[in-house]
Amino acid sequence: MESKKQPVPETTITRDISGLLQETGNIYQTVMIIAQRANQIAMEVKKELNSKLEEFSTFADTLEETFENREQIEISRYYERQPKPTLIAIKEFEEGETYYRMGEETEE
């Protein structure tokens, strides 16, 4: 989940809210779009990690039979060092890479 253009910051940075509002005009809609995209990214990363770790899974009956695998630890550490999904989603939104559509409002 690396950004192709510029690296995603690994820590939280201060952002200009007016810049985020330009696209939607509503901070709550912007936050929801970013949150939903962050959830999608997190699910993709989780699937990817689980598929890689699945190679190391053994069907052990007891906890004592579980052992640490060096490759498994390295894979886990690699994913721990990746930027958080929220930071990736914000970066995508700022660069206009996020596709979204608004549902139709009904009048009651």
Protein backbone atom coordinates (compact mmCIF):
# COMPACT_ATOMS: atom_id res chain seq x y z
CA MET A 1 0.00 0.00 0.00
CA GLU A 2 2.73 2.43 -0.86
CA SER A 3 1.86 5.78 -2.41
CA LYS A 4 3.35 5.98 -5.90
CA LYS A 5 3.86 9.74 -6.06
CA GLN A 6 5.17 10.92 -2.72
CA PRO A 7 5.78 8.93 0.41
CA VAL A 8 3.03 9.02 2.99
CA PRO A 9 4.13 10.55 6.30
CA GLU A 10 4.47 7.99 9.06
CA THR A 11 3.24 10.33 11.75
CA THR A 12 0.27 12.63 12.05
CA ILE A 13 0.79 16.12 10.68
CA THR A 14 -1.25 19.29 11.02
CA ARG A 15 -3.53 19.84 8.04
CA ASP A 16 -5.43 22.84 6.75
CA ILE A 17 -9.13 22.04 7.12
CA SER A 18 -10.11 24.52 4.41
CA GLY A 19 -8.06 22.46 1.94
CA LEU A 20 -9.99 19.34 2.84
CA LEU A 21 -13.32 21.18 2.54
CA GLN A 22 -12.77 22.32 -1.04
CA GLU A 23 -13.87 19.00 -2.51
CA THR A 24 -17.13 18.45 -0.60
CA GLY A 25 -17.91 21.72 1.15
CA ASN A 26 -18.75 19.83 4.34
CA ILE A 27 -16.20 18.67 6.92
CA TYR A 28 -18.40 15.79 8.09
CA GLN A 29 -18.77 14.40 4.58
CA THR A 30 -15.02 14.72 4.07
CA VAL A 31 -14.29 12.88 7.30
CA MET A 32 -16.73 10.10 6.40
CA ILE A 33 -15.21 9.68 2.94
CA ILE A 34 -11.71 9.48 4.41
CA ALA A 35 -12.84 7.11 7.18
CA GLN A 36 -14.54 4.74 4.73
CA ARG A 37 -11.47 4.72 2.49
CA ALA A 38 -9.23 4.08 5.51
CA ASN A 39 -11.42 1.07 6.40
CA GLN A 40 -11.07 -0.25 2.85
CA ILE A 41 -7.29 0.12 2.98
CA ALA A 42 -7.13 -1.55 6.39
CA MET A 43 -9.15 -4.52 5.11
CA GLU A 44 -6.87 -4.87 2.05
CA VAL A 45 -3.75 -4.80 4.21
CA LYS A 46 -5.27 -7.29 6.67
CA LYS A 47 -6.15 -9.71 3.85
CA GLU A 48 -2.65 -9.37 2.42
CA LEU A 49 -1.01 -9.95 5.81
CA ASN A 50 -3.24 -12.92 6.63
CA SER A 51 -2.50 -14.57 3.29
CA LYS A 52 1.25 -14.20 3.89
CA LEU A 53 1.01 -15.48 7.47
CA GLU A 54 -1.22 -18.36 6.42
CA GLU A 55 1.84 -20.10 4.98
CA PHE A 56 3.24 -20.41 8.49
CA SER A 57 0.10 -21.62 10.21
CA THR A 58 0.16 -25.05 11.72
CA PHE A 59 -2.67 -26.88 13.31
CA ALA A 60 -1.36 -27.23 16.86
CA ASP A 61 -3.49 -28.71 19.59
CA THR A 62 -1.79 -26.96 22.46
CA LEU A 63 -0.19 -23.62 23.05
CA GLU A 64 3.12 -25.29 23.94
CA GLU A 65 3.49 -26.60 20.40
CA THR A 66 3.41 -23.07 18.97
CA PHE A 67 6.83 -21.78 18.03
CA GLU A 68 8.15 -18.52 16.68
CA ASN A 69 9.18 -18.36 13.07
CA ARG A 70 11.75 -15.72 12.13
CA GLU A 71 10.23 -15.07 8.69
CA GLN A 72 6.79 -14.65 10.25
CA ILE A 73 8.17 -12.09 12.69
CA GLU A 74 9.86 -10.15 9.86
CA ILE A 75 6.62 -10.05 7.85
CA SER A 76 4.73 -8.78 10.89
CA ARG A 77 7.34 -6.11 11.58
CA TYR A 78 7.22 -4.96 7.95
CA TYR A 79 3.46 -4.35 8.21
CA GLU A 80 3.85 -2.62 11.58
CA ARG A 81 6.23 -0.09 9.98
CA GLN A 82 3.80 0.78 7.18
CA PRO A 83 1.88 4.08 7.37
CA LYS A 84 -1.50 3.88 9.04
CA PRO A 85 -4.52 3.47 6.73
CA THR A 86 -5.93 6.84 7.81
CA LEU A 87 -2.77 8.64 6.70
CA ILE A 88 -2.89 6.87 3.33
CA ALA A 89 -6.58 7.73 2.90
CA ILE A 90 -5.99 11.41 3.69
CA LYS A 91 -3.12 11.53 1.20
CA GLU A 92 -5.28 9.92 -1.50
CA PHE A 93 -8.12 12.36 -0.79
CA GLU A 94 -5.81 15.38 -0.96
CA GLU A 95 -4.40 14.22 -4.29
CA GLY A 96 -7.85 13.57 -5.75
CA GLU A 97 -7.34 9.81 -6.04
CA THR A 98 -10.41 8.92 -3.99
CA TYR A 99 -13.60 8.15 -5.89
CA TYR A 100 -16.84 8.74 -4.05
CA ARG A 101 -20.42 9.61 -4.84
CA MET A 102 -23.09 11.19 -2.73
CA GLY A 103 -26.41 9.43 -2.25
CA GLU A 104 -29.55 11.24 -3.30
CA GLU A 105 -31.23 13.22 -0.54
CA THR A 106 -34.91 12.57 -0.04
CA GLU A 107 -37.26 15.23 1.22
CA GLU A 108 -39.77 14.23 3.89
